[in-house]
Amino acid sequence: MLYYLAGVRFQSDLVHFNFQFIDVELMKHRLLESLFYYHMQPPLHNLIVGLVVKTFPQNYGAALHGLFLLVGAVSSVLLYRVMRCLDVPVWLAALLTILFITSPGCVLFENFPMYEYLIMLLLLAQCVALYHLLERPGFWPALLFFSLLAALALLRALFHLYYVVAAAVALAFYLRANAKAILAAAVLP
């Protein structure tokens, strides 16, 4: 609330002029076709924004802001969970999570409809999924982990399909007893 009182607002106008986004009118009326022909960016970010624009054509800025606030809330829970998985004391994990989620940098990305905030969410979710996969190896934990990796590759070109392949090979080697389940789970995403 203090950031809001200081004048920080969600920048939904970026959807209109950043090259990362498909034109808003195309999102409203020809989303799937536009995703197919828009090769400059991986499709997941434009799909998410496009679905919000199609669902809330008049108020998509407010809907995107709500979505990014939800991403921030889930990210804070996941950040706390990651620290607890690493045996950080409860009080310290809570304090660091609060400091991070209220930091100016985090609030800045929470108010831009770009992919960095979604990347943070997926990376935190991958950490938790990997932890559970290493604790209890099997098909379903591996499928969740590799699905999150694939989503990351579909969100940002920096993360490539080779990351998914490299992670599958490394995990199959490390968890040899469950190698078939790991590789089967990696193939689907």
Protein backbone atom coordinates (compact mmCIF):
# COMPACT_ATOMS: atom_id res chain seq x y z
CA MET A 1 0.00 0.00 0.00
CA LEU A 2 2.92 2.33 0.69
CA TYR A 3 4.22 1.79 -2.84
CA TYR A 4 0.76 2.58 -4.21
CA LEU A 5 0.62 5.77 -2.14
CA ALA A 6 4.07 6.65 -3.47
CA GLY A 7 2.67 6.49 -7.02
CA VAL A 8 3.68 3.02 -8.18
CA ARG A 9 1.10 1.77 -10.70
CA PHE A 10 0.83 -1.28 -12.95
CA GLN A 11 2.14 -0.40 -16.43
CA SER A 12 -0.49 -2.05 -18.63
CA ASP A 13 0.29 0.39 -21.47
CA LEU A 14 3.43 -1.68 -22.19
CA VAL A 15 1.16 -4.23 -23.86
CA HIS A 16 0.47 -1.67 -26.60
CA PHE A 17 3.99 -0.70 -27.64
CA ASN A 18 6.59 -3.27 -26.55
CA PHE A 19 7.82 -5.49 -29.37
CA GLN A 20 7.44 -8.56 -27.13
CA PHE A 21 3.65 -8.39 -27.42
CA ILE A 22 1.32 -9.25 -30.24
CA ASP A 23 -1.00 -6.38 -31.15
CA VAL A 24 -3.92 -6.12 -28.71
CA GLU A 25 -6.51 -6.34 -31.49
CA LEU A 26 -4.90 -9.53 -32.77
CA MET A 27 -4.94 -10.92 -29.21
CA LYS A 28 -8.67 -10.20 -29.02
CA HIS A 29 -9.66 -11.66 -32.38
CA ARG A 30 -6.88 -13.89 -33.77
CA LEU A 31 -4.83 -15.08 -30.81
CA LEU A 32 -3.94 -18.62 -31.89
CA GLU A 33 -3.12 -17.61 -35.45
CA SER A 34 -0.97 -14.74 -34.17
CA LEU A 35 0.88 -17.05 -31.78
CA PHE A 36 1.58 -19.41 -34.66
CA TYR A 37 3.08 -16.69 -36.87
CA TYR A 38 4.85 -14.64 -34.19
CA HIS A 39 8.28 -16.28 -34.18
CA MET A 40 10.15 -13.44 -32.47
CA GLN A 41 9.16 -14.53 -28.94
CA PRO A 42 8.34 -17.88 -27.32
CA PRO A 43 4.55 -18.23 -27.21
CA LEU A 44 3.66 -18.72 -23.54
CA HIS A 45 3.89 -15.09 -22.41
CA ASN A 46 1.75 -13.83 -25.29
CA LEU A 47 -0.68 -16.69 -24.70
CA ILE A 48 -1.11 -15.69 -21.05
CA VAL A 49 -1.52 -12.00 -21.85
CA GLY A 50 -3.74 -12.82 -24.84
CA LEU A 51 -6.06 -14.98 -22.74
CA VAL A 52 -6.37 -12.15 -20.21
CA VAL A 53 -7.09 -9.67 -23.03
CA LYS A 54 -9.70 -12.00 -24.55
CA THR A 55 -11.34 -12.67 -21.18
CA PHE A 56 -11.33 -9.03 -20.02
CA PRO A 57 -11.30 -6.96 -23.25
CA GLN A 58 -12.21 -3.68 -21.52
CA ASN A 59 -10.34 -4.19 -18.23
CA TYR A 60 -7.37 -6.35 -19.15
CA GLY A 61 -4.97 -3.95 -17.39
CA ALA A 62 -6.66 -4.52 -14.04
CA ALA A 63 -6.87 -8.27 -14.72
CA LEU A 64 -3.16 -8.43 -15.59
CA HIS A 65 -2.37 -6.50 -12.42
CA GLY A 66 -4.42 -8.99 -10.40
CA LEU A 67 -2.61 -11.86 -12.11
CA PHE A 68 0.80 -10.37 -11.31
CA LEU A 69 -0.23 -9.77 -7.69
CA LEU A 70 -1.23 -13.45 -7.53
CA VAL A 71 2.14 -14.42 -9.07
CA GLY A 72 3.84 -12.36 -6.33
CA ALA A 73 1.81 -14.02 -3.57
CA VAL A 74 2.53 -17.52 -4.88
CA SER A 75 6.21 -16.63 -5.38
CA SER A 76 6.51 -15.49 -1.78
CA VAL A 77 5.06 -18.79 -0.56
CA LEU A 78 7.41 -20.73 -2.84
CA LEU A 79 10.43 -18.66 -1.78
CA TYR A 80 9.62 -19.40 1.86
CA ARG A 81 9.18 -23.09 0.99
CA VAL A 82 12.53 -23.23 -0.82
CA MET A 83 14.28 -21.77 2.20
CA ARG A 84 12.55 -24.22 4.52
CA CYS A 85 13.62 -27.09 2.23
CA LEU A 86 17.17 -25.83 2.74
CA ASP A 87 16.68 -25.86 6.53
CA VAL A 88 16.73 -22.08 6.92
CA PRO A 89 15.16 -21.31 10.32
CA VAL A 90 11.47 -20.34 10.19
CA TRP A 91 12.02 -16.80 11.47
CA LEU A 92 14.86 -16.12 9.04
CA ALA A 93 12.98 -17.60 6.07
CA ALA A 94 9.95 -15.45 6.89
CA LEU A 95 12.06 -12.32 7.32
CA LEU A 96 14.00 -12.83 4.08
CA THR A 97 10.80 -13.58 2.17
CA ILE A 98 9.16 -10.39 3.45
CA LEU A 99 12.28 -8.33 2.66
CA PHE A 100 12.50 -9.76 -0.84
CA ILE A 101 8.84 -9.50 -1.80
CA THR A 102 8.63 -5.89 -0.54
CA SER A 103 11.94 -4.79 -2.07
CA PRO A 104 11.80 -2.06 -4.73
CA GLY A 105 13.13 -4.38 -7.43
CA CYS A 106 10.50 -7.01 -6.79
CA VAL A 107 7.72 -4.41 -6.67
CA LEU A 108 9.04 -2.93 -9.93
CA PHE A 109 8.75 -6.26 -11.75
CA GLU A 110 5.36 -6.89 -10.16
CA ASN A 111 4.11 -3.76 -11.92
CA PHE A 112 5.43 -4.55 -15.41
CA PRO A 113 3.55 -7.14 -17.51
CA MET A 114 6.79 -8.66 -18.74
CA TYR A 115 8.06 -12.21 -18.35
CA GLU A 116 10.67 -11.73 -15.59
CA TYR A 117 8.14 -12.05 -12.78
CA LEU A 118 6.68 -15.20 -14.33
CA ILE A 119 10.20 -16.60 -14.75
CA MET A 120 10.82 -16.05 -11.04
CA LEU A 121 7.63 -17.96 -10.23
CA LEU A 122 8.57 -20.87 -12.49
CA LEU A 123 12.14 -21.05 -11.16
CA LEU A 124 10.92 -21.13 -7.57
CA ALA A 125 8.32 -23.76 -8.44
CA GLN A 126 11.02 -25.82 -10.16
CA CYS A 127 13.19 -25.68 -7.04
CA VAL A 128 10.35 -27.02 -4.90
CA ALA A 129 9.44 -29.64 -7.52
CA LEU A 130 13.06 -30.77 -7.81
CA TYR A 131 13.35 -31.04 -4.05
CA HIS A 132 10.26 -33.28 -3.92
CA LEU A 133 11.51 -35.30 -6.89
CA LEU A 134 14.82 -35.96 -5.13
CA GLU A 135 13.01 -36.82 -1.89
CA ARG A 136 10.51 -39.20 -3.53
CA PRO A 137 11.61 -40.12 -7.05
CA GLY A 138 8.84 -41.19 -9.38
CA PHE A 139 6.92 -40.40 -12.52
CA TRP A 140 4.52 -37.75 -11.16
CA PRO A 141 7.08 -35.58 -9.35
CA ALA A 142 9.32 -35.83 -12.43
CA LEU A 143 6.42 -34.89 -14.72
CA LEU A 144 5.73 -31.80 -12.63
CA PHE A 145 9.40 -30.79 -12.67
CA PHE A 146 9.81 -31.28 -16.42
CA SER A 147 6.50 -29.56 -17.17
CA LEU A 148 7.74 -26.50 -15.29
CA LEU A 149 11.01 -26.66 -17.24
CA ALA A 150 9.10 -26.86 -20.52
CA ALA A 151 6.90 -23.92 -19.48
CA LEU A 152 10.04 -21.92 -18.82
CA ALA A 153 11.37 -22.77 -22.29
CA LEU A 154 8.03 -21.67 -23.79
CA LEU A 155 8.17 -18.42 -21.81
CA ARG A 156 11.67 -17.15 -22.54
CA ALA A 157 14.14 -18.00 -25.29
CA LEU A 158 17.00 -17.85 -22.79
CA PHE A 159 15.85 -21.23 -21.48
CA HIS A 160 16.20 -23.77 -24.24
CA LEU A 161 14.92 -27.26 -24.89
CA TYR A 162 18.47 -28.42 -24.25
CA TYR A 163 17.99 -27.53 -20.56
CA VAL A 164 15.12 -30.00 -20.39
CA VAL A 165 17.22 -32.69 -22.11
CA ALA A 166 20.26 -32.00 -19.92
CA ALA A 167 18.14 -32.11 -16.75
CA ALA A 168 16.54 -35.38 -17.87
CA VAL A 169 19.90 -37.02 -18.51
CA ALA A 170 21.40 -35.73 -15.25
CA LEU A 171 18.41 -36.83 -13.16
CA ALA A 172 18.21 -40.23 -14.87
CA PHE A 173 21.90 -40.73 -14.08
CA TYR A 174 21.57 -39.50 -10.49
CA LEU A 175 18.37 -41.45 -9.79
CA ARG A 176 19.33 -44.60 -11.68
CA ALA A 177 16.74 -46.76 -9.93
CA ASN A 178 13.99 -44.51 -11.33
CA ALA A 179 15.64 -43.68 -14.66
CA LYS A 180 12.80 -45.08 -16.79
CA ALA A 181 10.15 -43.09 -14.91
CA ILE A 182 12.29 -39.93 -15.08
CA LEU A 183 12.89 -40.24 -18.83
CA ALA A 184 9.23 -41.08 -19.50
CA ALA A 185 8.16 -38.02 -17.54
CA ALA A 186 10.66 -35.86 -19.44
CA VAL A 187 9.44 -37.00 -22.85
CA LEU A 188 5.87 -35.75 -22.37
CA PRO A 189 6.67 -32.06 -21.79
